[in-house]
Amino acid sequence: MRPRALSVGDWVEVRSKEEILRTLDSDGRLDRMPFMPEMLAFCGKKFQVYKRAHKTCDTVFPTRGRRVDRAVHLETRCDGNGHGGCQARCLVFWKEAWLKPLGWRSSEDAASHVEAEPADVGTAPVAGCTESDVWLHAQVPDPSGGTPKYVCQATQLPNATMDLAWWDIRQYIEDYWSGNVGLRRILNGLVYSIYYNLSQAGVGLGPPMRWLYIKFRLLWRGTPFPRGTGSIPKGQPTPTGVLYLQPGEVVRVKSHEEVLRTLDIENKNRGMLWDAEMVPYCGGTYRVLTRVTKIINENTGKMQELKSPCIILDSVVCQGLYSGCRMFCPRSIYPYWREIWLERVGANVSD
């Protein structure tokens, strides 16, 4: 029988480099999921499970939900070292075969109770892999001498995952039993989904339902209606703002109403999308994690230089609250923020 699937809060130890390499095929993958060079630095270290990665959102094709087999997320993010310095800081997928379950409440207790269990190599045929292979398969050179094509977990998600319909109730049961999402949040998500879909039903309910939401949301201290839209006509320039923010500075996200005034009717500011998942952070105060100037285009695998730098805020991630096709997705992607959506709080603010 397979061991119990890992759940939120479980302690694990990342297996040694040698153990993990024995689970990989000649392309550096297990069940088509790449083991990336950036993950080598975590070998031998202990972590608590952040989320069970039983599902995820595929951002290669039009965004959709996908099922993942026997994987979790730890508090580990890719630093882009093996992928041209990509600054997306994606949360890493860990196949359970790459981890040793410790089964104790703290890393200190677990340290003296690690059992060397054999790694489960999954269903993929294992042809053997070296550390050099892991680095080699992280990018594909351009025969014409142009920029290479990068291969990472994000670009390969369609191949390493399976179809998952949004209406498959089993995913929401697993969200709860794994510890990913509390029952109250699941119920809130269900209510919002029903409310939003009714407002989009095309029977005249949309405007009055949005009006009711806007007027009465303060009674339950809810977020602004997350599907508001900008008003600037498509093709017309959207406003810009430059703060030259640096890592460590503290900013406040502007109100939803202020942000909407910077967006066109497609909810974009100079091509960058304002997503509904960013709305809950409006009015909040956060620390700048980094400035982003380049990321890998997950659809093409090519490095994409941003025309204008954008901002990642510390601990501000997509929660999968308002997107039907990726409800409660545990991938915790960092949204990108235009500086015009932010305002500086102060140069010196203590933690």
Protein backbone atom coordinates (compact mmCIF):
# COMPACT_ATOMS: atom_id res chain seq x y z
CA MET A 1 0.00 0.00 0.00
CA ARG A 2 1.14 3.55 -0.67
CA PRO A 3 2.02 5.60 2.42
CA ARG A 4 -0.37 8.29 3.61
CA ALA A 5 -0.31 11.40 1.46
CA LEU A 6 1.41 14.34 3.10
CA SER A 7 -0.76 17.08 4.58
CA VAL A 8 -0.26 20.70 5.60
CA GLY A 9 2.03 20.98 8.63
CA ASP A 10 3.75 17.61 8.19
CA TRP A 11 7.53 17.72 8.60
CA VAL A 12 9.67 16.32 5.81
CA GLU A 13 13.32 16.15 4.90
CA VAL A 14 14.36 16.67 1.29
CA ARG A 15 16.27 13.57 0.23
CA SER A 16 19.94 13.70 -0.66
CA LYS A 17 21.00 14.65 -4.15
CA GLU A 18 22.05 11.06 -4.85
CA GLU A 19 18.68 9.64 -3.76
CA ILE A 20 16.73 12.11 -5.85
CA LEU A 21 18.86 11.58 -8.94
CA ARG A 22 18.04 7.86 -8.77
CA THR A 23 14.33 8.68 -9.12
CA LEU A 24 14.77 10.70 -12.32
CA ASP A 25 14.72 9.66 -15.95
CA SER A 26 17.42 10.73 -18.39
CA ASP A 27 15.66 14.09 -18.89
CA GLY A 28 15.81 14.88 -15.17
CA ARG A 29 12.10 14.25 -14.56
CA LEU A 30 9.83 12.06 -12.47
CA ASP A 31 6.38 11.41 -13.92
CA ARG A 32 7.26 14.21 -16.37
CA MET A 33 7.79 16.72 -13.53
CA PRO A 34 11.26 18.32 -13.85
CA PHE A 35 13.62 18.35 -10.90
CA MET A 36 15.20 21.78 -11.38
CA PRO A 37 18.79 22.85 -10.61
CA GLU A 38 17.51 25.42 -8.12
CA MET A 39 16.12 22.58 -5.99
CA LEU A 40 19.54 21.06 -5.30
CA ALA A 41 20.24 23.69 -2.63
CA PHE A 42 17.37 22.29 -0.51
CA CYS A 43 18.66 18.71 -0.40
CA GLY A 44 19.07 17.43 3.15
CA LYS A 45 17.06 20.28 4.69
CA LYS A 46 13.85 19.97 6.72
CA PHE A 47 10.61 21.80 6.05
CA GLN A 48 6.96 21.73 6.96
CA VAL A 49 4.49 21.05 4.17
CA TYR A 50 3.01 24.39 3.08
CA LYS A 51 0.27 22.97 0.85
CA ARG A 52 -0.57 19.64 -0.68
CA ALA A 53 -0.14 20.18 -4.41
CA HIS A 54 -2.92 17.80 -5.43
CA LYS A 55 -4.04 20.35 -8.00
CA THR A 56 -2.68 23.44 -9.68
CA CYS A 57 -3.39 26.03 -12.35
CA ASP A 58 -1.89 25.57 -15.79
CA THR A 59 -0.82 28.99 -17.08
CA VAL A 60 0.74 27.68 -20.30
CA PHE A 61 -2.58 27.26 -22.07
CA PRO A 62 -5.63 29.39 -21.29
CA THR A 63 -5.72 29.16 -17.50
CA ARG A 64 -7.29 25.92 -16.30
CA GLY A 65 -7.17 23.57 -13.34
CA ARG A 66 -5.01 20.44 -13.43
CA ARG A 67 -4.57 17.46 -11.12
CA VAL A 68 -1.10 16.64 -9.78
CA ASP A 69 -0.13 13.20 -8.48
CA ARG A 70 1.69 12.79 -5.15
CA ALA A 71 3.26 16.23 -4.80
CA VAL A 72 3.43 19.00 -2.22
CA HIS A 73 4.62 22.57 -1.88
CA LEU A 74 7.15 23.49 0.77
CA GLU A 75 8.15 27.07 1.64
CA THR A 76 10.70 26.92 -1.18
CA ARG A 77 10.76 29.09 -4.27
CA CYS A 78 12.84 29.00 -7.43
CA ASP A 79 15.55 31.68 -7.49
CA GLY A 80 16.04 31.40 -11.27
CA ASN A 81 19.72 30.50 -10.94
CA GLY A 82 19.43 27.67 -13.47
CA HIS A 83 17.00 29.50 -15.74
CA GLY A 84 18.67 32.68 -16.89
CA GLY A 85 17.91 34.63 -13.71
CA CYS A 86 14.11 34.45 -14.09
CA GLN A 87 12.59 36.58 -11.32
CA ALA A 88 9.12 35.02 -11.09
CA ARG A 89 9.99 33.19 -7.83
CA CYS A 90 7.62 30.30 -8.49
CA LEU A 91 6.68 27.97 -5.66
CA VAL A 92 8.44 24.65 -6.27
CA PHE A 93 6.63 21.33 -6.72
CA TRP A 94 8.10 18.46 -4.70
CA LYS A 95 7.15 14.93 -5.67
CA GLU A 96 6.70 12.88 -2.51
CA ALA A 97 9.40 10.48 -3.77
CA TRP A 98 11.90 13.31 -3.24
CA LEU A 99 10.99 13.71 0.44
CA LYS A 100 11.35 11.71 3.65
CA PRO A 101 8.26 12.03 5.87
CA LEU A 102 9.43 12.71 9.41
CA GLY A 103 6.12 12.32 11.15
CA TRP A 104 6.92 14.45 14.21
CA ARG A 105 5.62 17.80 15.37
CA SER A 106 8.86 19.74 15.19
CA SER A 107 12.03 19.68 13.16
CA GLU A 108 14.03 19.25 16.39
CA ASP A 109 12.11 16.11 17.37
CA ALA A 110 12.16 14.83 13.82
CA ALA A 111 15.91 15.20 13.43
CA SER A 112 16.56 12.20 15.66
CA HIS A 113 13.80 10.05 14.18
CA VAL A 114 14.53 10.07 10.45
CA GLU A 115 14.07 6.67 8.87
CA ALA A 116 15.80 6.06 5.56
CA GLU A 117 12.81 4.94 3.54
CA PRO A 118 13.42 3.92 -0.06
CA ALA A 119 12.41 6.54 -2.58
CA ASP A 120 9.30 5.79 -4.61
CA VAL A 121 10.29 6.30 -8.24
CA GLY A 122 6.70 6.73 -9.39
CA THR A 123 5.39 5.35 -12.66
CA ALA A 124 7.94 6.84 -15.05
CA PRO A 125 10.71 4.57 -16.35
CA VAL A 126 14.00 5.44 -14.68
CA ALA A 127 17.04 5.60 -16.95
CA GLY A 128 19.40 7.30 -14.55
CA CYS A 129 20.36 10.93 -14.27
CA THR A 130 23.33 13.00 -13.15
CA GLU A 131 23.53 16.48 -11.69
CA SER A 132 24.97 17.64 -15.00
CA ASP A 133 21.88 16.27 -16.75
CA VAL A 134 19.64 18.30 -14.42
CA TRP A 135 21.47 21.49 -15.39
CA LEU A 136 21.65 20.53 -19.07
CA HIS A 137 17.92 19.93 -19.43
CA ALA A 138 17.00 23.25 -17.82
CA GLN A 139 17.41 24.96 -21.19
CA VAL A 140 17.42 24.14 -24.88
CA PRO A 141 19.93 26.10 -27.01
CA ASP A 142 18.63 27.97 -30.05
CA PRO A 143 20.20 26.42 -33.19
CA SER A 144 20.35 29.87 -34.79
CA GLY A 145 22.28 31.32 -31.87
CA GLY A 146 19.38 33.23 -30.35
CA THR A 147 18.16 33.12 -26.78
CA PRO A 148 17.68 29.62 -25.38
CA LYS A 149 14.34 28.07 -24.55
CA TYR A 150 14.03 27.34 -20.84
CA VAL A 151 12.44 24.23 -19.41
CA CYS A 152 11.07 24.37 -15.87
CA GLN A 153 8.19 23.04 -13.82
CA ALA A 154 5.96 25.91 -14.91
CA THR A 155 6.55 25.36 -18.63
CA GLN A 156 6.00 21.61 -18.28
CA LEU A 157 2.85 21.61 -16.16
CA PRO A 158 0.57 20.51 -19.04
CA ASN A 159 2.71 17.39 -19.46
CA ALA A 160 3.20 16.65 -15.76
CA THR A 161 -0.47 16.98 -14.78
CA MET A 162 -3.89 15.60 -15.69
CA ASP A 163 -7.28 17.07 -16.57
CA LEU A 164 -9.32 18.40 -13.65
CA ALA A 165 -12.81 19.78 -14.17
CA TRP A 166 -13.79 22.74 -12.00
CA TRP A 167 -16.99 20.95 -10.98
CA ASP A 168 -15.18 17.81 -9.72
CA ILE A 169 -16.21 18.01 -6.04
CA ARG A 170 -13.48 15.59 -4.97
CA GLN A 171 -10.86 18.34 -5.30
CA TYR A 172 -12.66 20.50 -2.74
CA ILE A 173 -12.95 17.58 -0.33
CA GLU A 174 -9.20 17.06 -0.66
CA ASP A 175 -8.64 20.80 -0.19
CA TYR A 176 -10.27 20.42 3.21
CA TRP A 177 -8.84 17.07 4.35
CA SER A 178 -5.30 18.01 3.31
CA GLY A 179 -5.45 21.17 5.42
CA ASN A 180 -5.04 23.42 2.37
CA VAL A 181 -8.30 25.31 2.93
CA GLY A 182 -10.56 25.73 5.95
CA LEU A 183 -14.25 24.88 5.81
CA ARG A 184 -15.32 28.52 6.19
CA ARG A 185 -13.25 29.59 3.18
CA ILE A 186 -14.66 26.74 1.11
CA LEU A 187 -18.21 27.78 1.99
CA ASN A 188 -17.43 31.43 1.24
CA GLY A 189 -16.00 30.40 -2.11
CA LEU A 190 -19.13 28.41 -2.91
CA VAL A 191 -21.38 31.34 -2.06
CA TYR A 192 -19.30 33.76 -4.14
CA SER A 193 -19.21 31.37 -7.11
CA ILE A 194 -22.99 30.97 -7.09
CA TYR A 195 -23.51 34.72 -6.64
CA TYR A 196 -21.11 35.66 -9.43
CA ASN A 197 -22.42 33.11 -11.90
CA LEU A 198 -25.97 34.27 -11.29
CA SER A 199 -24.87 37.86 -11.91
CA GLN A 200 -23.43 36.72 -15.26
CA ALA A 201 -26.46 34.68 -16.29
CA GLY A 202 -27.69 37.31 -18.74
CA VAL A 203 -31.21 37.58 -17.31
CA GLY A 204 -30.93 41.11 -15.99
CA LEU A 205 -29.60 40.09 -12.58
CA GLY A 206 -26.06 41.38 -13.09
CA PRO A 207 -26.37 45.12 -12.33
CA PRO A 208 -28.66 44.81 -9.28
CA MET A 209 -26.60 41.96 -7.81
CA ARG A 210 -23.37 43.93 -8.20
CA TRP A 211 -25.06 46.96 -6.63
CA LEU A 212 -26.20 44.88 -3.66
CA TYR A 213 -22.71 43.47 -3.20
CA ILE A 214 -21.11 46.91 -3.28
CA LYS A 215 -23.64 48.45 -0.88
CA PHE A 216 -23.76 45.70 1.70
CA ARG A 217 -20.27 44.18 1.66
CA LEU A 218 -19.24 46.28 4.67
CA LEU A 219 -21.80 44.43 6.79
CA TRP A 220 -19.72 41.26 6.51
CA ARG A 221 -16.40 43.10 6.05
CA GLY A 222 -15.93 41.60 2.63
CA THR A 223 -13.63 42.71 -0.15
CA PRO A 224 -14.84 45.02 -2.94
CA PHE A 225 -16.65 43.28 -5.79
CA PRO A 226 -13.59 41.58 -7.34
CA ARG A 227 -14.79 41.69 -10.93
CA GLY A 228 -14.95 45.45 -11.36
CA THR A 229 -13.62 46.77 -14.66
CA GLY A 230 -11.65 49.76 -15.83
CA SER A 231 -13.16 52.44 -18.06
CA ILE A 232 -10.32 53.62 -20.31
CA PRO A 233 -11.13 52.64 -23.92
CA LYS A 234 -9.03 49.89 -25.41
CA GLY A 235 -6.12 51.31 -27.39
CA GLN A 236 -5.94 54.55 -25.43
CA PRO A 237 -2.91 55.09 -23.17
CA THR A 238 -3.26 54.19 -19.51
CA PRO A 239 -1.57 56.29 -16.82
CA THR A 240 1.84 55.53 -15.42
CA GLY A 241 3.48 56.21 -12.08
CA VAL A 242 7.10 55.70 -11.06
CA LEU A 243 8.20 55.34 -7.43
CA TYR A 244 11.57 53.59 -7.98
CA LEU A 245 10.68 51.20 -5.17
CA GLN A 246 13.43 49.00 -3.77
CA PRO A 247 13.35 45.72 -1.78
CA GLY A 248 12.51 46.31 1.87
CA GLU A 249 10.46 49.46 1.38
CA VAL A 250 6.92 49.49 2.74
CA VAL A 251 3.98 50.36 0.50
CA ARG A 252 0.23 50.53 0.70
CA VAL A 253 -1.91 49.09 -2.08
CA LYS A 254 -4.31 51.76 -3.30
CA SER A 255 -8.06 51.31 -2.99
CA HIS A 256 -9.85 49.26 -5.60
CA GLU A 257 -11.59 52.37 -6.90
CA GLU A 258 -8.25 54.14 -7.40
CA VAL A 259 -6.80 51.14 -9.22
CA LEU A 260 -9.80 50.84 -11.54
CA ARG A 261 -9.19 54.41 -12.71
CA THR A 262 -5.80 53.28 -14.09
CA LEU A 263 -7.20 50.37 -16.14
CA ASP A 264 -8.65 49.99 -19.61
CA ILE A 265 -11.82 48.03 -20.29
CA GLU A 266 -9.77 44.80 -20.38
CA ASN A 267 -8.48 45.55 -16.87
CA LYS A 268 -4.95 46.22 -18.10
CA ASN A 269 -2.46 48.97 -17.42
CA ARG A 270 0.12 49.21 -20.21
CA GLY A 271 -0.50 45.57 -21.03
CA MET A 272 -0.31 44.24 -17.47
CA LEU A 273 -3.47 42.59 -16.19
CA TRP A 274 -5.09 43.54 -12.91
CA ASP A 275 -6.47 40.24 -11.63
CA ALA A 276 -9.43 39.72 -9.32
CA GLU A 277 -7.14 37.80 -6.97
CA MET A 278 -5.32 41.07 -6.22
CA VAL A 279 -8.43 42.83 -4.93
CA PRO A 280 -8.30 41.42 -1.35
CA TYR A 281 -4.96 43.19 -0.86
CA CYS A 282 -6.33 46.66 -1.64
CA GLY A 283 -5.76 49.03 1.26
CA GLY A 284 -3.22 46.72 2.88
CA THR A 285 0.38 47.56 3.79
CA TYR A 286 3.17 45.28 2.61
CA ARG A 287 6.92 45.17 2.14
CA VAL A 288 8.52 45.18 -1.32
CA LEU A 289 10.19 41.83 -1.96
CA THR A 290 11.83 42.59 -5.29
CA ARG A 291 11.68 44.51 -8.56
CA VAL A 292 10.99 42.30 -11.57
CA THR A 293 12.54 43.04 -14.94
CA LYS A 294 12.52 39.61 -16.61
CA ILE A 295 10.51 36.41 -16.42
CA ILE A 296 10.20 33.25 -18.47
CA ASN A 297 7.20 33.25 -20.78
CA GLU A 298 5.62 29.94 -19.72
CA ASN A 299 3.98 29.49 -23.11
CA THR A 300 7.14 29.84 -25.21
CA GLY A 301 9.90 29.08 -22.69
CA LYS A 302 11.71 32.23 -23.79
CA MET A 303 12.99 34.89 -21.43
CA GLN A 304 10.78 37.98 -21.56
CA GLU A 305 12.19 41.40 -20.69
CA LEU A 306 9.53 43.65 -19.16
CA LYS A 307 9.18 47.07 -20.77
CA SER A 308 8.65 48.60 -17.34
CA PRO A 309 9.78 46.99 -14.08
CA CYS A 310 7.03 45.74 -11.81
CA ILE A 311 6.94 44.85 -8.13
CA ILE A 312 6.50 41.67 -6.10
CA LEU A 313 5.25 42.19 -2.54
CA ASP A 314 6.34 39.94 0.30
CA SER A 315 3.73 37.30 1.32
CA VAL A 316 1.23 38.65 -1.22
CA VAL A 317 0.15 35.69 -3.35
CA CYS A 318 -2.78 34.50 -5.44
CA GLN A 319 -5.20 32.68 -3.11
CA GLY A 320 -7.45 31.23 -5.80
CA LEU A 321 -10.55 32.83 -4.30
CA TYR A 322 -12.37 34.25 -7.31
CA SER A 323 -11.41 32.15 -10.33
CA GLY A 324 -13.74 29.29 -11.07
CA CYS A 325 -11.25 27.27 -13.07
CA ARG A 326 -8.61 27.45 -10.31
CA MET A 327 -10.58 27.82 -7.09
CA PHE A 328 -8.28 27.34 -4.07
CA CYS A 329 -5.28 26.58 -6.27
CA PRO A 330 -2.34 26.09 -3.84
CA ARG A 331 0.34 27.33 -6.25
CA SER A 332 0.52 30.75 -4.53
CA ILE A 333 1.82 32.69 -7.52
CA TYR A 334 3.18 36.17 -6.82
CA PRO A 335 1.08 38.82 -8.63
CA TYR A 336 2.96 41.62 -10.39
CA TRP A 337 2.18 45.16 -9.29
CA ARG A 338 2.50 48.36 -11.29
CA GLU A 339 3.96 51.13 -9.16
CA ILE A 340 0.93 53.29 -9.96
CA TRP A 341 -1.17 50.82 -7.92
CA LEU A 342 1.02 51.40 -4.86
CA GLU A 343 1.98 54.29 -2.60
CA ARG A 344 5.07 54.55 -0.44
CA VAL A 345 4.38 54.46 3.30
CA GLY A 346 7.83 55.37 4.54
CA ALA A 347 11.49 54.65 4.05
CA ASN A 348 12.04 53.22 7.54
CA VAL A 349 9.30 51.04 8.98
CA SER A 350 10.20 48.30 11.44
CA ASP A 351 8.88 44.77 11.14
